[in-house]
């Protein structure tokens, strides 16, 4: 992976984590709106500086509400769950550039 690409990914990941940790409360609808706003903010922020333009990151998380859980996922990170002593993958990889997953 090129140094520039790594810098962009690191920037985007930190940007998203900082934005999420500042607003962890609320219901699923609020979380969905917040994640969309964070994405829009990331896009707008990176347009202003050539060295980070086009920055992207993956995000996978679990939202728990009473007896229900929801998975939010974008990118090629993975979420697995263990049930009856068997692991199952709960997410499907999502990449804009399919060559990223090629050997």
Protein backbone atom coordinates (compact mmCIF):
# COMPACT_ATOMS: atom_id res chain seq x y z
CA UNK A 1 0.00 0.00 0.00
CA UNK A 2 1.38 3.41 -0.90
CA UNK A 3 2.30 5.87 1.83
CA UNK A 4 -0.20 8.42 0.49
CA UNK A 5 -3.03 5.91 0.55
CA UNK A 6 -2.15 4.87 4.10
CA UNK A 7 -2.11 8.51 5.26
CA UNK A 8 -5.53 9.09 3.72
CA UNK A 9 -6.97 5.97 5.36
CA UNK A 10 -5.50 6.85 8.73
CA UNK A 11 -6.90 10.38 8.48
CA UNK A 12 -10.37 9.12 7.51
CA UNK A 13 -10.45 6.48 10.25
CA UNK A 14 -9.47 8.99 12.94
CA UNK A 15 -11.94 11.56 11.59
CA UNK A 16 -14.82 9.06 11.80
CA UNK A 17 -13.83 7.71 15.23
CA UNK A 18 -13.55 11.21 16.69
CA UNK A 19 -16.97 12.14 15.30
CA UNK A 20 -18.62 8.96 16.59
CA UNK A 21 -17.20 9.04 20.09
CA UNK A 22 -18.54 12.57 20.60
CA UNK A 23 -22.12 11.38 19.97
CA UNK A 24 -22.68 7.83 21.15
CA UNK A 25 -26.15 8.27 22.65
CA UNK A 26 -29.49 8.13 20.90
CA UNK A 27 -31.65 5.68 19.06
CA UNK A 28 -30.98 3.80 15.81
CA UNK A 29 -32.53 6.54 13.66
CA UNK A 30 -30.30 9.16 15.28
CA UNK A 31 -27.23 6.95 14.78
CA UNK A 32 -28.10 6.47 11.10
CA UNK A 33 -28.48 10.23 10.59
CA UNK A 34 -25.24 10.88 12.49
CA UNK A 35 -23.27 8.39 10.38
CA UNK A 36 -24.57 9.98 7.17
CA UNK A 37 -23.57 13.42 8.42
CA UNK A 38 -20.12 12.17 9.40
CA UNK A 39 -19.66 10.74 5.90
CA UNK A 40 -20.75 14.03 4.30
CA UNK A 41 -18.41 15.97 6.63
CA UNK A 42 -15.50 13.67 5.72
CA UNK A 43 -16.11 14.18 2.01
CA UNK A 44 -16.32 17.97 2.38
CA UNK A 45 -13.27 18.15 4.66
CA UNK A 46 -11.08 16.11 2.31
CA UNK A 47 -12.07 18.20 -0.74
CA UNK A 48 -10.32 21.17 0.88
CA UNK A 49 -6.85 19.58 1.12
CA UNK A 50 -5.16 17.77 -1.76
CA UNK A 51 -3.06 15.49 0.47
CA UNK A 52 -6.17 13.88 1.97
CA UNK A 53 -8.62 14.25 -0.90
CA UNK A 54 -10.47 11.02 -1.56
CA UNK A 55 -9.83 9.69 1.96
CA UNK A 56 -11.89 6.65 2.90
CA UNK A 57 -12.19 4.17 5.71
CA UNK A 58 -14.17 1.12 6.70
CA UNK A 59 -16.63 1.02 9.56
CA UNK A 60 -18.29 -1.92 11.24
CA UNK A 61 -20.25 -1.68 14.45
CA UNK A 62 -22.99 -3.11 16.57
CA UNK A 63 -25.91 -1.12 17.97
CA UNK A 64 -27.82 -2.79 20.81
CA UNK A 65 -31.34 -1.72 21.78
CA UNK A 66 -33.10 -3.80 24.45
CA UNK A 67 -33.30 -7.33 23.02
CA UNK A 68 -32.41 -6.38 19.45
CA UNK A 69 -29.09 -5.66 17.82
CA UNK A 70 -28.27 -3.97 14.53
CA UNK A 71 -25.07 -4.17 12.50
CA UNK A 72 -23.86 -1.12 10.64
CA UNK A 73 -21.21 -1.80 8.08
CA UNK A 74 -19.37 -0.19 5.19
CA UNK A 75 -16.17 -1.45 3.62
CA UNK A 76 -14.15 -4.61 3.94
CA UNK A 77 -13.95 -4.93 7.72
CA UNK A 78 -15.73 -8.00 9.03
CA UNK A 79 -18.12 -8.79 11.84
CA UNK A 80 -18.46 -12.40 12.97
CA UNK A 81 -20.70 -13.92 15.60
CA UNK A 82 -20.45 -17.11 17.62
CA UNK A 83 -23.55 -19.26 18.01
CA UNK A 84 -23.65 -22.92 19.07
CA UNK A 85 -19.83 -23.09 18.98
CA UNK A 86 -19.75 -22.04 15.30
CA UNK A 87 -18.53 -18.75 13.85
CA UNK A 88 -20.61 -17.10 11.13
CA UNK A 89 -19.78 -13.99 9.16
CA UNK A 90 -22.43 -11.31 9.63
CA UNK A 91 -21.18 -8.85 7.01
CA UNK A 92 -20.39 -8.80 3.30
CA UNK A 93 -17.37 -6.90 2.00
CA UNK A 94 -18.23 -3.66 0.26
CA UNK A 95 -15.50 -2.00 -1.77
CA UNK A 96 -15.68 0.57 -4.54
CA UNK A 97 -12.43 -0.72 -6.01
CA UNK A 98 -12.67 -4.49 -6.34
CA UNK A 99 -8.92 -4.74 -7.09
CA UNK A 100 -8.37 -4.02 -3.37
CA UNK A 101 -9.53 -7.58 -2.60
CA UNK A 102 -7.35 -9.17 -5.31
CA UNK A 103 -4.15 -11.00 -4.31
